[in-house]
Amino acid sequence: MAASMRLMRFGGKKSPYYRIVVSDRRFARAGKFIDQVGTYDPKKNPAEVRFKEEKTIQWLRKGAQPTSTVRQLLIRSGISKKSAEGKTE
């Protein structure tokens, strides 16, 4: 099973709100997911990103591949650096 970390869109028209989820790559964007690891609200100023840090690092170590957008959010929040440090231990 190839797992990926991706955004799952919620909210109404012109007011998006996203959950950051781990899902099987074969499922649709708004389909079944394995675990929720965070949220992203681009409408706030500045945009609000929240991760469940332990879960996120655990899934990255298991091999979940983040999409390009989620990768940028991980870099901005500093979690990608923490997960990389854990791999070298």
PDB file of N, CA and C in Angstrom:
ATOM      1  N   MET A   1       0.840  -1.176   0.000  1.00  0.00           N
ATOM      2  CA  MET A   1       0.000   0.000   0.000  1.00  0.00           C
ATOM      3  C   MET A   1       0.888   1.243   0.000  1.00  0.00           C
ATOM      4  N   ALA A   2       0.665   2.106  -0.972  1.00  0.00           N
ATOM      5  CA  ALA A   2       1.405   3.352  -1.052  1.00  0.00           C
ATOM      6  C   ALA A   2       0.581   4.449  -0.393  1.00  0.00           C
ATOM      7  N   ALA A   3       1.053   4.940   0.737  1.00  0.00           N
ATOM      8  CA  ALA A   3       0.330   5.975   1.473  1.00  0.00           C
ATOM      9  C   ALA A   3       0.854   7.350   1.077  1.00  0.00           C
ATOM     10  N   SER A   4      -0.051   8.308   1.046  1.00  0.00           N
ATOM     11  CA  SER A   4       0.361   9.677   0.768  1.00  0.00           C
ATOM     12  C   SER A   4      -0.318  10.618   1.749  1.00  0.00           C
ATOM     13  N   MET A   5       0.360  11.723   2.033  1.00  0.00           N
ATOM     14  CA  MET A   5      -0.210  12.781   2.868  1.00  0.00           C
ATOM     15  C   MET A   5      -0.735  13.825   1.906  1.00  0.00           C
ATOM     16  N   ARG A   6      -2.016  14.138   2.034  1.00  0.00           N
ATOM     17  CA  ARG A   6      -2.626  15.078   1.104  1.00  0.00           C
ATOM     18  C   ARG A   6      -3.659  15.937   1.807  1.00  0.00           C
ATOM     19  N   LEU A   7      -4.123  16.950   1.078  1.00  0.00           N
ATOM     20  CA  LEU A   7      -5.157  17.829   1.603  1.00  0.00           C
ATOM     21  C   LEU A   7      -6.522  17.293   1.205  1.00  0.00           C
ATOM     22  N   MET A   8      -7.459  17.342   2.141  1.00  0.00           N
ATOM     23  CA  MET A   8      -8.839  16.930   1.902  1.00  0.00           C
ATOM     24  C   MET A   8      -9.697  18.175   2.089  1.00  0.00           C
ATOM     25  N   ARG A   9     -10.364  18.621   1.029  1.00  0.00           N
ATOM     26  CA  ARG A   9     -11.065  19.908   1.049  1.00  0.00           C
ATOM     27  C   ARG A   9     -12.419  19.826   1.749  1.00  0.00           C
ATOM     28  N   PHE A  10     -12.675  20.830   2.584  1.00  0.00           N
ATOM     29  CA  PHE A  10     -13.957  21.023   3.252  1.00  0.00           C
ATOM     30  C   PHE A  10     -14.320  22.490   3.111  1.00  0.00           C
ATOM     31  N   GLY A  11     -15.441  22.879   3.641  1.00  0.00           N
ATOM     32  CA  GLY A  11     -15.846  24.269   3.574  1.00  0.00           C
ATOM     33  C   GLY A  11     -16.751  24.523   2.386  1.00  0.00           C
ATOM     34  N   GLY A  12     -17.294  25.705   2.339  1.00  0.00           N
ATOM     35  CA  GLY A  12     -18.228  26.059   1.283  1.00  0.00           C
ATOM     36  C   GLY A  12     -17.538  26.657   0.074  1.00  0.00           C
ATOM     37  N   LYS A  13     -18.364  27.162  -0.813  1.00  0.00           N
ATOM     38  CA  LYS A  13     -17.872  27.803  -2.013  1.00  0.00           C
ATOM     39  C   LYS A  13     -17.079  29.063  -1.641  1.00  0.00           C
ATOM     40  N   LYS A  14     -15.888  29.168  -2.166  1.00  0.00           N
ATOM     41  CA  LYS A  14     -14.979  30.293  -1.927  1.00  0.00           C
ATOM     42  C   LYS A  14     -14.544  30.451  -0.475  1.00  0.00           C
ATOM     43  N   SER A  15     -14.717  29.423   0.352  1.00  0.00           N
ATOM     44  CA  SER A  15     -14.201  29.459   1.722  1.00  0.00           C
ATOM     45  C   SER A  15     -13.636  28.074   2.062  1.00  0.00           C
ATOM     46  N   PRO A  16     -12.502  27.740   1.451  1.00  0.00           N
ATOM     47  CA  PRO A  16     -11.948  26.407   1.653  1.00  0.00           C
ATOM     48  C   PRO A  16     -11.343  26.228   3.034  1.00  0.00           C
ATOM     49  N   TYR A  17     -11.383  24.996   3.487  1.00  0.00           N
ATOM     50  CA  TYR A  17     -10.764  24.580   4.736  1.00  0.00           C
ATOM     51  C   TYR A  17     -10.276  23.158   4.473  1.00  0.00           C
ATOM     52  N   TYR A  18      -9.061  22.852   4.852  1.00  0.00           N
ATOM     53  CA  TYR A  18      -8.494  21.559   4.506  1.00  0.00           C
ATOM     54  C   TYR A  18      -8.106  20.761   5.744  1.00  0.00           C
ATOM     55  N   ARG A  19      -8.281  19.452   5.662  1.00  0.00           N
ATOM     56  CA  ARG A  19      -7.703  18.531   6.630  1.00  0.00           C
ATOM     57  C   ARG A  19      -6.510  17.885   5.947  1.00  0.00           C
ATOM     58  N   ILE A  20      -5.458  17.691   6.702  1.00  0.00           N
ATOM     59  CA  ILE A  20      -4.284  17.004   6.173  1.00  0.00           C
ATOM     60  C   ILE A  20      -4.421  15.556   6.610  1.00  0.00           C
ATOM     61  N   VAL A  21      -4.545  14.657   5.631  1.00  0.00           N
ATOM     62  CA  VAL A  21      -4.827  13.264   5.923  1.00  0.00           C
ATOM     63  C   VAL A  21      -3.790  12.356   5.276  1.00  0.00           C
ATOM     64  N   VAL A  22      -3.686  11.152   5.825  1.00  0.00           N
ATOM     65  CA  VAL A  22      -2.878  10.088   5.222  1.00  0.00           C
ATOM     66  C   VAL A  22      -3.871   9.144   4.572  1.00  0.00           C
ATOM     67  N   SER A  23      -3.687   8.891   3.277  1.00  0.00           N
ATOM     68  CA  SER A  23      -4.611   8.015   2.571  1.00  0.00           C
ATOM     69  C   SER A  23      -3.854   7.159   1.561  1.00  0.00           C
ATOM     70  N   ASP A  24      -4.515   6.124   1.109  1.00  0.00           N
ATOM     71  CA  ASP A  24      -3.977   5.283   0.055  1.00  0.00           C
ATOM     72  C   ASP A  24      -4.032   6.105  -1.235  1.00  0.00           C
ATOM     73  N   ARG A  25      -3.000   6.045  -2.043  1.00  0.00           N
ATOM     74  CA  ARG A  25      -2.951   6.849  -3.258  1.00  0.00           C
ATOM     75  C   ARG A  25      -4.078   6.532  -4.228  1.00  0.00           C
ATOM     76  N   ARG A  26      -4.640   5.345  -4.139  1.00  0.00           N
ATOM     77  CA  ARG A  26      -5.674   4.929  -5.087  1.00  0.00           C
ATOM     78  C   ARG A  26      -7.025   5.576  -4.812  1.00  0.00           C
ATOM     79  N   PHE A  27      -7.232   6.117  -3.617  1.00  0.00           N
ATOM     80  CA  PHE A  27      -8.516   6.716  -3.276  1.00  0.00           C
ATOM     81  C   PHE A  27      -8.577   8.167  -3.719  1.00  0.00           C
ATOM     82  N   ALA A  28      -9.795   8.660  -3.952  1.00  0.00           N
ATOM     83  CA  ALA A  28     -10.016  10.031  -4.400  1.00  0.00           C
ATOM     84  C   ALA A  28      -9.662  11.033  -3.309  1.00  0.00           C
ATOM     85  N   ARG A  29      -9.551  12.293  -3.697  1.00  0.00           N
ATOM     86  CA  ARG A  29      -9.183  13.358  -2.761  1.00  0.00           C
ATOM     87  C   ARG A  29     -10.140  13.431  -1.584  1.00  0.00           C
ATOM     88  N   ALA A  30     -11.415  13.302  -1.843  1.00  0.00           N
ATOM     89  CA  ALA A  30     -12.408  13.390  -0.774  1.00  0.00           C
ATOM     90  C   ALA A  30     -12.891  12.002  -0.364  1.00  0.00           C
ATOM     91  N   GLY A  31     -12.115  10.981  -0.656  1.00  0.00           N
ATOM     92  CA  GLY A  31     -12.526   9.616  -0.354  1.00  0.00           C
ATOM     93  C   GLY A  31     -12.050   9.132   0.996  1.00  0.00           C
ATOM     94  N   LYS A  32     -11.899   7.821   1.079  1.00  0.00           N
ATOM     95  CA  LYS A  32     -11.493   7.171   2.319  1.00  0.00           C
ATOM     96  C   LYS A  32     -10.077   7.590   2.718  1.00  0.00           C
ATOM     97  N   PHE A  33      -9.850   7.712   4.017  1.00  0.00           N
ATOM     98  CA  PHE A  33      -8.504   8.035   4.481  1.00  0.00           C
ATOM     99  C   PHE A  33      -8.156   7.174   5.683  1.00  0.00           C
ATOM    100  N   ILE A  34      -6.869   7.071   5.966  1.00  0.00           N
ATOM    101  CA  ILE A  34      -6.372   6.218   7.041  1.00  0.00           C
ATOM    102  C   ILE A  34      -6.326   6.981   8.358  1.00  0.00           C
ATOM    103  N   ASP A  35      -5.777   8.195   8.338  1.00  0.00           N
ATOM    104  CA  ASP A  35      -5.553   8.957   9.566  1.00  0.00           C
ATOM    105  C   ASP A  35      -5.557  10.449   9.255  1.00  0.00           C
ATOM    106  N   GLN A  36      -6.027  11.259  10.192  1.00  0.00           N
ATOM    107  CA  GLN A  36      -5.961  12.705  10.059  1.00  0.00           C
ATOM    108  C   GLN A  36      -4.794  13.206  10.887  1.00  0.00           C
ATOM    109  N   VAL A  37      -3.899  13.976  10.251  1.00  0.00           N
ATOM    110  CA  VAL A  37      -2.706  14.430  10.960  1.00  0.00           C
ATOM    111  C   VAL A  37      -2.632  15.945  11.130  1.00  0.00           C
ATOM    112  N   GLY A  38      -3.611  16.685  10.597  1.00  0.00           N
ATOM    113  CA  GLY A  38      -3.565  18.126  10.787  1.00  0.00           C
ATOM    114  C   GLY A  38      -4.654  18.859  10.032  1.00  0.00           C
ATOM    115  N   THR A  39      -4.596  20.204  10.111  1.00  0.00           N
ATOM    116  CA  THR A  39      -5.544  21.064   9.407  1.00  0.00           C
ATOM    117  C   THR A  39      -4.809  22.234   8.782  1.00  0.00           C
ATOM    118  N   TYR A  40      -5.444  22.821   7.764  1.00  0.00           N
ATOM    119  CA  TYR A  40      -4.881  23.975   7.067  1.00  0.00           C
ATOM    120  C   TYR A  40      -6.026  24.914   6.712  1.00  0.00           C
ATOM    121  N   ASP A  41      -5.946  26.158   7.187  1.00  0.00           N
ATOM    122  CA  ASP A  41      -6.973  27.157   6.905  1.00  0.00           C
ATOM    123  C   ASP A  41      -6.325  28.330   6.169  1.00  0.00           C
ATOM    124  N   PRO A  42      -6.432  28.359   4.831  1.00  0.00           N
ATOM    125  CA  PRO A  42      -5.775  29.415   4.060  1.00  0.00           C
ATOM    126  C   PRO A  42      -6.490  30.761   4.123  1.00  0.00           C
ATOM    127  N   LYS A  43      -7.711  30.818   4.625  1.00  0.00           N
ATOM    128  CA  LYS A  43      -8.472  32.061   4.661  1.00  0.00           C
ATOM    129  C   LYS A  43      -8.049  32.993   5.795  1.00  0.00           C
ATOM    130  N   LYS A  44      -7.401  32.452   6.813  1.00  0.00           N
ATOM    131  CA  LYS A  44      -6.942  33.303   7.916  1.00  0.00           C
ATOM    132  C   LYS A  44      -5.686  34.046   7.477  1.00  0.00           C
ATOM    133  N   ASN A  45      -5.432  35.165   8.145  1.00  0.00           N
ATOM    134  CA  ASN A  45      -4.263  35.952   7.793  1.00  0.00           C
ATOM    135  C   ASN A  45      -3.346  36.060   9.000  1.00  0.00           C
ATOM    136  N   PRO A  46      -2.194  35.441   9.050  1.00  0.00           N
ATOM    137  CA  PRO A  46      -1.623  34.530   8.055  1.00  0.00           C
ATOM    138  C   PRO A  46      -2.311  33.163   8.085  1.00  0.00           C
ATOM    139  N   ALA A  47      -2.102  32.384   7.041  1.00  0.00           N
ATOM    140  CA  ALA A  47      -2.735  31.068   6.932  1.00  0.00           C
ATOM    141  C   ALA A  47      -2.357  30.209   8.138  1.00  0.00           C
ATOM    142  N   GLU A  48      -3.342  29.497   8.668  1.00  0.00           N
ATOM    143  CA  GLU A  48      -3.131  28.696   9.876  1.00  0.00           C
ATOM    144  C   GLU A  48      -2.906  27.230   9.506  1.00  0.00           C
ATOM    145  N   VAL A  49      -1.782  26.692   9.968  1.00  0.00           N
ATOM    146  CA  VAL A  49      -1.451  25.287   9.732  1.00  0.00           C
ATOM    147  C   VAL A  49      -1.214  24.631  11.084  1.00  0.00           C
ATOM    148  N   ARG A  50      -1.894  23.514  11.329  1.00  0.00           N
ATOM    149  CA  ARG A  50      -1.711  22.771  12.581  1.00  0.00           C
ATOM    150  C   ARG A  50      -1.468  21.319  12.252  1.00  0.00           C
ATOM    151  N   PHE A  51      -0.422  20.764  12.828  1.00  0.00           N
ATOM    152  CA  PHE A  51      -0.112  19.347  12.667  1.00  0.00           C
ATOM    153  C   PHE A  51      -0.149  18.663  14.019  1.00  0.00           C
ATOM    154  N   LYS A  52      -0.577  17.408  14.036  1.00  0.00           N
ATOM    155  CA  LYS A  52      -0.385  16.552  15.196  1.00  0.00           C
ATOM    156  C   LYS A  52       1.015  15.988  14.994  1.00  0.00           C
ATOM    157  N   GLU A  53       1.966  16.621  15.676  1.00  0.00           N
ATOM    158  CA  GLU A  53       3.380  16.408  15.382  1.00  0.00           C
ATOM    159  C   GLU A  53       3.816  14.948  15.459  1.00  0.00           C
ATOM    160  N   GLU A  54       3.446  14.266  16.529  1.00  0.00           N
ATOM    161  CA  GLU A  54       3.885  12.881  16.706  1.00  0.00           C
ATOM    162  C   GLU A  54       3.341  11.980  15.611  1.00  0.00           C
ATOM    163  N   LYS A  55       2.048  12.133  15.296  1.00  0.00           N
ATOM    164  CA  LYS A  55       1.442  11.320  14.246  1.00  0.00           C
ATOM    165  C   LYS A  55       2.091  11.597  12.890  1.00  0.00           C
ATOM    166  N   THR A  56       2.335  12.867  12.604  1.00  0.00           N
ATOM    167  CA  THR A  56       2.922  13.249  11.321  1.00  0.00           C
ATOM    168  C   THR A  56       4.310  12.650  11.163  1.00  0.00           C
ATOM    169  N   ILE A  57       5.142  12.782  12.174  1.00  0.00           N
ATOM    170  CA  ILE A  57       6.500  12.232  12.108  1.00  0.00           C
ATOM    171  C   ILE A  57       6.448  10.714  11.990  1.00  0.00           C
ATOM    172  N   GLN A  58       5.532  10.090  12.709  1.00  0.00           N
ATOM    173  CA  GLN A  58       5.384   8.632  12.642  1.00  0.00           C
ATOM    174  C   GLN A  58       5.036   8.190  11.220  1.00  0.00           C
ATOM    175  N   TRP A  59       4.105   8.875  10.564  1.00  0.00           N
ATOM    176  CA  TRP A  59       3.729   8.499   9.204  1.00  0.00           C
ATOM    177  C   TRP A  59       4.851   8.777   8.204  1.00  0.00           C
ATOM    178  N   LEU A  60       5.593   9.855   8.391  1.00  0.00           N
ATOM    179  CA  LEU A  60       6.720  10.131   7.498  1.00  0.00           C
ATOM    180  C   LEU A  60       7.788   9.054   7.623  1.00  0.00           C
ATOM    181  N   ARG A  61       8.033   8.588   8.839  1.00  0.00           N
ATOM    182  CA  ARG A  61       9.007   7.517   9.047  1.00  0.00           C
ATOM    183  C   ARG A  61       8.532   6.190   8.470  1.00  0.00           C
ATOM    184  N   LYS A  62       7.206   5.986   8.440  1.00  0.00           N
ATOM    185  CA  LYS A  62       6.658   4.760   7.845  1.00  0.00           C
ATOM    186  C   LYS A  62       6.712   4.788   6.325  1.00  0.00           C
ATOM    187  N   GLY A  63       6.971   5.958   5.745  1.00  0.00           N
ATOM    188  CA  GLY A  63       7.115   6.048   4.301  1.00  0.00           C
ATOM    189  C   GLY A  63       5.998   6.763   3.571  1.00  0.00           C
ATOM    190  N   ALA A  64       5.117   7.439   4.273  1.00  0.00           N
ATOM    191  CA  ALA A  64       4.060   8.198   3.606  1.00  0.00           C
ATOM    192  C   ALA A  64       4.688   9.354   2.834  1.00  0.00           C
ATOM    193  N   GLN A  65       4.305   9.494   1.577  1.00  0.00           N
ATOM    194  CA  GLN A  65       4.866  10.531   0.711  1.00  0.00           C
ATOM    195  C   GLN A  65       3.930  11.740   0.686  1.00  0.00           C
ATOM    196  N   PRO A  66       4.398  12.908   1.157  1.00  0.00           N
ATOM    197  CA  PRO A  66       3.549  14.101   1.117  1.00  0.00           C
ATOM    198  C   PRO A  66       3.443  14.653  -0.303  1.00  0.00           C
ATOM    199  N   THR A  67       2.288  15.228  -0.635  1.00  0.00           N
ATOM    200  CA  THR A  67       2.150  15.915  -1.913  1.00  0.00           C
ATOM    201  C   THR A  67       2.996  17.183  -1.857  1.00  0.00           C
ATOM    202  N   SER A  68       3.157  17.851  -2.988  1.00  0.00           N
ATOM    203  CA  SER A  68       4.018  19.038  -3.011  1.00  0.00           C
ATOM    204  C   SER A  68       3.505  20.134  -2.073  1.00  0.00           C
ATOM    205  N   THR A  69       2.193  20.315  -2.006  1.00  0.00           N
ATOM    206  CA  THR A  69       1.622  21.339  -1.121  1.00  0.00           C
ATOM    207  C   THR A  69       1.846  20.979   0.342  1.00  0.00           C
ATOM    208  N   VAL A  70       1.596  19.736   0.694  1.00  0.00           N
ATOM    209  CA  VAL A  70       1.788  19.302   2.082  1.00  0.00           C
ATOM    210  C   VAL A  70       3.274  19.369   2.440  1.00  0.00           C
ATOM    211  N   ARG A  71       4.149  19.057   1.503  1.00  0.00           N
ATOM    212  CA  ARG A  71       5.593  19.150   1.755  1.00  0.00           C
ATOM    213  C   ARG A  71       5.973  20.579   2.124  1.00  0.00           C
ATOM    214  N   GLN A  72       5.425  21.572   1.413  1.00  0.00           N
ATOM    215  CA  GLN A  72       5.708  22.977   1.724  1.00  0.00           C
ATOM    216  C   GLN A  72       5.168  23.365   3.103  1.00  0.00           C
ATOM    217  N   LEU A  73       4.005  22.846   3.460  1.00  0.00           N
ATOM    218  CA  LEU A  73       3.446  23.130   4.785  1.00  0.00           C
ATOM    219  C   LEU A  73       4.293  22.499   5.881  1.00  0.00           C
ATOM    220  N   LEU A  74       4.829  21.304   5.620  1.00  0.00           N
ATOM    221  CA  LEU A  74       5.710  20.646   6.587  1.00  0.00           C
ATOM    222  C   LEU A  74       7.000  21.441   6.774  1.00  0.00           C
ATOM    223  N   ILE A  75       7.543  21.943   5.685  1.00  0.00           N
ATOM    224  CA  ILE A  75       8.768  22.749   5.767  1.00  0.00           C
ATOM    225  C   ILE A  75       8.498  24.031   6.536  1.00  0.00           C
ATOM    226  N   ARG A  76       7.377  24.693   6.238  1.00  0.00           N
ATOM    227  CA  ARG A  76       7.026  25.949   6.907  1.00  0.00           C
ATOM    228  C   ARG A  76       6.838  25.748   8.403  1.00  0.00           C
ATOM    229  N   SER A  77       6.283  24.600   8.799  1.00  0.00           N
ATOM    230  CA  SER A  77       6.036  24.361  10.229  1.00  0.00           C
ATOM    231  C   SER A  77       7.254  23.762  10.935  1.00  0.00           C
ATOM    232  N   GLY A  78       8.264  23.328  10.190  1.00  0.00           N
ATOM    233  CA  GLY A  78       9.490  22.800  10.788  1.00  0.00           C
ATOM    234  C   GLY A  78       9.450  21.318  11.099  1.00  0.00           C
ATOM    235  N   ILE A  79       8.401  20.629  10.717  1.00  0.00           N
ATOM    236  CA  ILE A  79       8.283  19.201  11.030  1.00  0.00           C
ATOM    237  C   ILE A  79       9.168  18.353  10.131  1.00  0.00           C
ATOM    238  N   SER A  80       9.358  18.771   8.881  1.00  0.00           N
ATOM    239  CA  SER A  80      10.193  17.971   7.981  1.00  0.00           C
ATOM    240  C   SER A  80      11.626  17.885   8.497  1.00  0.00           C
ATOM    241  N   LYS A  81      12.101  18.953   9.110  1.00  0.00           N
ATOM    242  CA  LYS A  81      13.448  18.949   9.682  1.00  0.00           C
ATOM    243  C   LYS A  81      13.532  17.974  10.869  1.00  0.00           C
ATOM    244  N   LYS A  82      12.487  17.956  11.703  1.00  0.00           N
ATOM    245  CA  LYS A  82      12.452  17.068  12.862  1.00  0.00           C
ATOM    246  C   LYS A  82      12.406  15.606  12.419  1.00  0.00           C
ATOM    247  N   SER A  83      11.637  15.299  11.383  1.00  0.00           N
ATOM    248  CA  SER A  83      11.549  13.921  10.925  1.00  0.00           C
ATOM    249  C   SER A  83      12.865  13.480  10.287  1.00  0.00           C
ATOM    250  N   ALA A  84      13.563  14.397   9.618  1.00  0.00           N
ATOM    251  CA  ALA A  84      14.858  14.072   9.017  1.00  0.00           C
ATOM    252  C   ALA A  84      15.899  13.811  10.100  1.00  0.00           C
ATOM    253  N   GLU A  85      15.826  14.553  11.199  1.00  0.00           N
ATOM    254  CA  GLU A  85      16.762  14.352  12.304  1.00  0.00           C
ATOM    255  C   GLU A  85      16.544  12.975  12.932  1.00  0.00           C
ATOM    256  N   GLY A  86      15.311  12.546  13.023  1.00  0.00           N
ATOM    257  CA  GLY A  86      14.995  11.252  13.609  1.00  0.00           C
ATOM    258  C   GLY A  86      15.487  10.091  12.775  1.00  0.00           C
ATOM    259  N   LYS A  87      15.585  10.247  11.454  1.00  0.00           N
ATOM    260  CA  LYS A  87      16.044   9.174  10.580  1.00  0.00           C
ATOM    261  C   LYS A  87      17.522   8.885  10.747  1.00  0.00           C
ATOM    262  N   THR A  88      18.300   9.896  11.145  1.00  0.00           N
ATOM    263  CA  THR A  88      19.734   9.709  11.279  1.00  0.00           C
ATOM    264  C   THR A  88      20.114   9.060  12.605  1.00  0.00           C
ATOM    265  N   GLU A  89      19.194   9.010  13.549  1.00  0.00           N
ATOM    266  CA  GLU A  89      19.512   8.462  14.877  1.00  0.00           C
ATOM    267  C   GLU A  89      19.691   6.974  14.832  1.00  0.00           C
TER     268      GLU A  89
END
